[in-house]
């Protein structure tokens, strides 16, 4: 049996949180009950906070490297999207 290390466990948690966010979005879109929408919206807010905490932890430990973009690169990306 393969032993899970920290990186694999965090990747799994991140994937499950991503799936939960997708399902929450679908539940909000397909519900006409204001109470259900409010509960799912509140829950999805907490899920995004948890997802970001896991992402930051992984990034700090070098498990999820990201490239910081310059203001110019960001502007170019925004301009490309406006043209599309």
N, C-alpha and C. Protein backbone atom coordinates (compact mmCIF):
# COMPACT_ATOMS: atom_id res chain seq x y z
N UNK A 1 0.83 -1.18 0.00
CA UNK A 1 0.00 0.00 0.00
C UNK A 1 0.88 1.24 0.00
N UNK A 2 0.53 2.21 -0.84
CA UNK A 2 1.32 3.43 -0.94
C UNK A 2 0.98 4.38 0.21
N UNK A 3 2.01 4.93 0.83
CA UNK A 3 1.82 5.88 1.92
C UNK A 3 1.71 7.29 1.33
N UNK A 4 0.70 8.02 1.79
CA UNK A 4 0.52 9.39 1.31
C UNK A 4 1.46 10.32 2.07
N UNK A 5 2.11 11.19 1.33
CA UNK A 5 2.94 12.19 1.98
C UNK A 5 2.13 13.50 2.07
N UNK A 6 2.69 14.49 2.72
CA UNK A 6 1.97 15.76 2.92
C UNK A 6 1.49 16.37 1.60
N UNK A 7 2.36 16.36 0.61
CA UNK A 7 2.00 16.98 -0.67
C UNK A 7 0.81 16.27 -1.30
N UNK A 8 0.82 14.95 -1.32
CA UNK A 8 -0.29 14.20 -1.92
C UNK A 8 -1.59 14.43 -1.16
N UNK A 9 -1.51 14.48 0.17
CA UNK A 9 -2.71 14.72 0.97
C UNK A 9 -3.27 16.13 0.71
N UNK A 10 -2.39 17.12 0.66
CA UNK A 10 -2.84 18.49 0.40
C UNK A 10 -3.40 18.64 -1.01
N UNK A 11 -2.78 17.97 -1.97
CA UNK A 11 -3.32 18.00 -3.34
C UNK A 11 -4.72 17.39 -3.38
N UNK A 12 -4.92 16.32 -2.63
CA UNK A 12 -6.22 15.67 -2.58
C UNK A 12 -7.26 16.59 -1.93
N UNK A 13 -6.88 17.23 -0.83
CA UNK A 13 -7.78 18.17 -0.17
C UNK A 13 -8.14 19.31 -1.12
N UNK A 14 -7.14 19.85 -1.80
CA UNK A 14 -7.37 20.95 -2.74
C UNK A 14 -8.31 20.53 -3.86
N UNK A 15 -8.14 19.31 -4.36
CA UNK A 15 -9.01 18.81 -5.43
C UNK A 15 -10.45 18.66 -4.93
N UNK A 16 -10.61 18.16 -3.73
CA UNK A 16 -11.96 17.99 -3.17
C UNK A 16 -12.63 19.35 -2.93
N UNK A 17 -11.85 20.32 -2.46
CA UNK A 17 -12.41 21.66 -2.26
C UNK A 17 -12.80 22.28 -3.60
N UNK A 18 -12.01 22.05 -4.62
CA UNK A 18 -12.33 22.56 -5.96
C UNK A 18 -13.63 21.93 -6.47
N UNK A 19 -13.78 20.63 -6.27
CA UNK A 19 -15.01 19.96 -6.68
C UNK A 19 -16.21 20.48 -5.89
N UNK A 20 -16.01 20.71 -4.60
CA UNK A 20 -17.08 21.24 -3.77
C UNK A 20 -17.51 22.62 -4.24
N UNK A 21 -16.54 23.44 -4.65
CA UNK A 21 -16.87 24.77 -5.17
C UNK A 21 -17.68 24.66 -6.46
N UNK A 22 -17.32 23.73 -7.31
CA UNK A 22 -18.07 23.53 -8.56
C UNK A 22 -19.50 23.11 -8.25
N UNK A 23 -19.65 22.16 -7.35
CA UNK A 23 -20.99 21.68 -7.00
C UNK A 23 -21.80 22.75 -6.29
N UNK A 24 -21.15 23.57 -5.47
CA UNK A 24 -21.86 24.67 -4.79
C UNK A 24 -22.39 25.67 -5.81
N UNK A 25 -21.57 25.98 -6.79
CA UNK A 25 -22.00 26.89 -7.84
C UNK A 25 -23.21 26.36 -8.59
N UNK A 26 -23.19 25.08 -8.88
CA UNK A 26 -24.33 24.46 -9.56
C UNK A 26 -25.57 24.50 -8.68
N UNK A 27 -25.41 24.23 -7.38
CA UNK A 27 -26.55 24.24 -6.47
C UNK A 27 -27.16 25.63 -6.38
N UNK A 28 -26.33 26.65 -6.34
CA UNK A 28 -26.83 28.03 -6.28
C UNK A 28 -27.58 28.36 -7.56
N UNK A 29 -27.03 27.99 -8.69
CA UNK A 29 -27.66 28.31 -9.98
C UNK A 29 -28.99 27.61 -10.17
N UNK A 30 -29.14 26.42 -9.62
CA UNK A 30 -30.33 25.61 -9.89
C UNK A 30 -31.36 25.62 -8.76
N UNK A 31 -31.15 26.47 -7.78
CA UNK A 31 -32.11 26.53 -6.67
C UNK A 31 -32.91 27.82 -6.74
N UNK A 32 -34.21 27.68 -6.58
CA UNK A 32 -35.05 28.88 -6.54
C UNK A 32 -35.48 29.20 -5.12
N UNK A 33 -35.01 28.43 -4.15
CA UNK A 33 -35.36 28.65 -2.75
C UNK A 33 -34.34 29.61 -2.12
N UNK A 34 -34.78 30.77 -1.68
CA UNK A 34 -33.85 31.74 -1.10
C UNK A 34 -33.06 31.20 0.10
N UNK A 35 -33.70 30.37 0.93
CA UNK A 35 -32.99 29.82 2.09
C UNK A 35 -31.88 28.86 1.68
N UNK A 36 -32.16 28.00 0.70
CA UNK A 36 -31.13 27.07 0.22
C UNK A 36 -29.99 27.86 -0.41
N UNK A 37 -30.32 28.83 -1.23
CA UNK A 37 -29.29 29.65 -1.88
C UNK A 37 -28.41 30.35 -0.84
N UNK A 38 -29.03 30.86 0.23
CA UNK A 38 -28.27 31.56 1.27
C UNK A 38 -27.31 30.61 1.98
N UNK A 39 -27.79 29.42 2.31
CA UNK A 39 -26.94 28.44 3.01
C UNK A 39 -25.78 28.01 2.12
N UNK A 40 -26.06 27.69 0.87
CA UNK A 40 -25.01 27.24 -0.04
C UNK A 40 -24.02 28.37 -0.31
N UNK A 41 -24.51 29.59 -0.44
CA UNK A 41 -23.62 30.73 -0.66
C UNK A 41 -22.69 30.93 0.53
N UNK A 42 -23.23 30.83 1.73
CA UNK A 42 -22.41 30.97 2.94
C UNK A 42 -21.37 29.85 3.02
N UNK A 43 -21.81 28.65 2.75
CA UNK A 43 -20.91 27.49 2.79
C UNK A 43 -19.81 27.61 1.74
N UNK A 44 -20.17 28.07 0.54
CA UNK A 44 -19.16 28.18 -0.51
C UNK A 44 -18.13 29.26 -0.16
N UNK A 45 -18.56 30.29 0.57
CA UNK A 45 -17.61 31.30 1.03
C UNK A 45 -16.56 30.70 1.95
N UNK A 46 -17.01 29.86 2.87
CA UNK A 46 -16.06 29.19 3.77
C UNK A 46 -15.16 28.23 2.99
N UNK A 47 -15.74 27.59 2.00
CA UNK A 47 -14.95 26.65 1.20
C UNK A 47 -13.83 27.38 0.45
N UNK A 48 -14.13 28.56 -0.09
CA UNK A 48 -13.08 29.31 -0.79
C UNK A 48 -11.99 29.75 0.17
N UNK A 49 -12.38 30.10 1.41
CA UNK A 49 -11.37 30.47 2.41
C UNK A 49 -10.48 29.27 2.73
N UNK A 50 -11.08 28.10 2.89
CA UNK A 50 -10.30 26.89 3.17
C UNK A 50 -9.40 26.54 2.00
N UNK A 51 -9.93 26.67 0.78
CA UNK A 51 -9.14 26.37 -0.41
C UNK A 51 -7.93 27.28 -0.48
N UNK A 52 -8.12 28.56 -0.20
CA UNK A 52 -7.01 29.51 -0.27
C UNK A 52 -5.98 29.21 0.82
N UNK A 53 -6.44 28.80 2.00
CA UNK A 53 -5.50 28.46 3.08
C UNK A 53 -4.63 27.26 2.69
N UNK A 54 -5.25 26.25 2.07
CA UNK A 54 -4.47 25.08 1.62
C UNK A 54 -3.50 25.49 0.52
N UNK A 55 -3.97 26.30 -0.42
CA UNK A 55 -3.10 26.79 -1.50
C UNK A 55 -1.91 27.55 -0.92
N UNK A 56 -2.16 28.47 0.01
CA UNK A 56 -1.06 29.26 0.59
C UNK A 56 -0.07 28.37 1.31
N UNK A 57 -0.55 27.39 2.06
CA UNK A 57 0.34 26.47 2.76
C UNK A 57 1.21 25.71 1.76
N UNK A 58 0.58 25.19 0.71
CA UNK A 58 1.34 24.45 -0.30
C UNK A 58 2.36 25.36 -0.98
N UNK A 59 1.97 26.59 -1.28
CA UNK A 59 2.87 27.54 -1.92
C UNK A 59 4.06 27.86 -1.02
N UNK A 60 3.78 28.10 0.26
CA UNK A 60 4.85 28.43 1.21
C UNK A 60 5.84 27.28 1.35
N UNK A 61 5.37 26.04 1.22
CA UNK A 61 6.24 24.87 1.37
C UNK A 61 6.86 24.44 0.03
N UNK A 62 6.63 25.23 -1.03
CA UNK A 62 7.21 24.92 -2.33
C UNK A 62 6.51 23.78 -3.06
N UNK A 63 5.31 23.41 -2.60
CA UNK A 63 4.55 22.31 -3.21
C UNK A 63 3.66 22.79 -4.35
N UNK A 64 3.43 24.08 -4.44
CA UNK A 64 2.54 24.64 -5.45
C UNK A 64 3.15 25.96 -5.91
N UNK A 65 4.23 25.87 -6.68
CA UNK A 65 4.90 27.10 -7.10
C UNK A 65 4.04 27.90 -8.08
N UNK A 66 4.09 29.20 -7.93
CA UNK A 66 3.37 30.08 -8.84
C UNK A 66 4.32 31.14 -9.36
N UNK A 67 3.98 31.68 -10.50
CA UNK A 67 4.77 32.76 -11.08
C UNK A 67 4.04 34.06 -10.78
N UNK A 68 4.71 34.97 -10.11
CA UNK A 68 4.13 36.29 -9.89
C UNK A 68 4.26 37.08 -11.18
N UNK A 69 3.17 37.69 -11.59
CA UNK A 69 3.19 38.46 -12.83
C UNK A 69 3.43 39.93 -12.54
N UNK A 70 4.01 40.57 -13.51
CA UNK A 70 4.22 42.01 -13.39
C UNK A 70 2.93 42.74 -13.75
N UNK A 71 2.85 44.00 -13.40
CA UNK A 71 1.68 44.81 -13.77
C UNK A 71 1.50 44.83 -15.29
N UNK A 72 2.59 44.87 -16.02
CA UNK A 72 2.53 44.89 -17.48
C UNK A 72 1.95 43.59 -18.03
N UNK A 73 2.40 42.45 -17.48
CA UNK A 73 1.88 41.15 -17.91
C UNK A 73 0.39 41.04 -17.62
N UNK A 74 -0.03 41.54 -16.48
CA UNK A 74 -1.45 41.53 -16.12
C UNK A 74 -2.25 42.39 -17.08
N UNK A 75 -1.75 43.57 -17.39
CA UNK A 75 -2.44 44.46 -18.33
C UNK A 75 -2.56 43.80 -19.70
N UNK A 76 -1.49 43.14 -20.16
CA UNK A 76 -1.52 42.47 -21.46
C UNK A 76 -2.56 41.34 -21.47
N UNK A 77 -2.64 40.59 -20.39
CA UNK A 77 -3.62 39.50 -20.31
C UNK A 77 -5.04 40.05 -20.33
N UNK A 78 -5.27 41.14 -19.61
CA UNK A 78 -6.59 41.76 -19.59
C UNK A 78 -6.95 42.28 -20.99
N UNK A 79 -5.99 42.92 -21.63
CA UNK A 79 -6.23 43.45 -22.98
C UNK A 79 -6.54 42.33 -23.97
N UNK A 80 -5.85 41.19 -23.84
CA UNK A 80 -6.12 40.06 -24.73
C UNK A 80 -7.53 39.55 -24.54
N UNK A 81 -8.01 39.49 -23.29
CA UNK A 81 -9.36 39.01 -23.01
C UNK A 81 -10.41 39.97 -23.55
N UNK A 82 -10.12 41.25 -23.52
CA UNK A 82 -11.08 42.24 -24.05
C UNK A 82 -11.23 42.09 -25.56
N UNK A 83 -10.16 41.67 -26.24
CA UNK A 83 -10.19 41.51 -27.69
C UNK A 83 -10.90 40.23 -28.09
N UNK A 84 -10.93 39.25 -27.20
CA UNK A 84 -11.52 37.94 -27.54
C UNK A 84 -13.03 37.97 -27.62
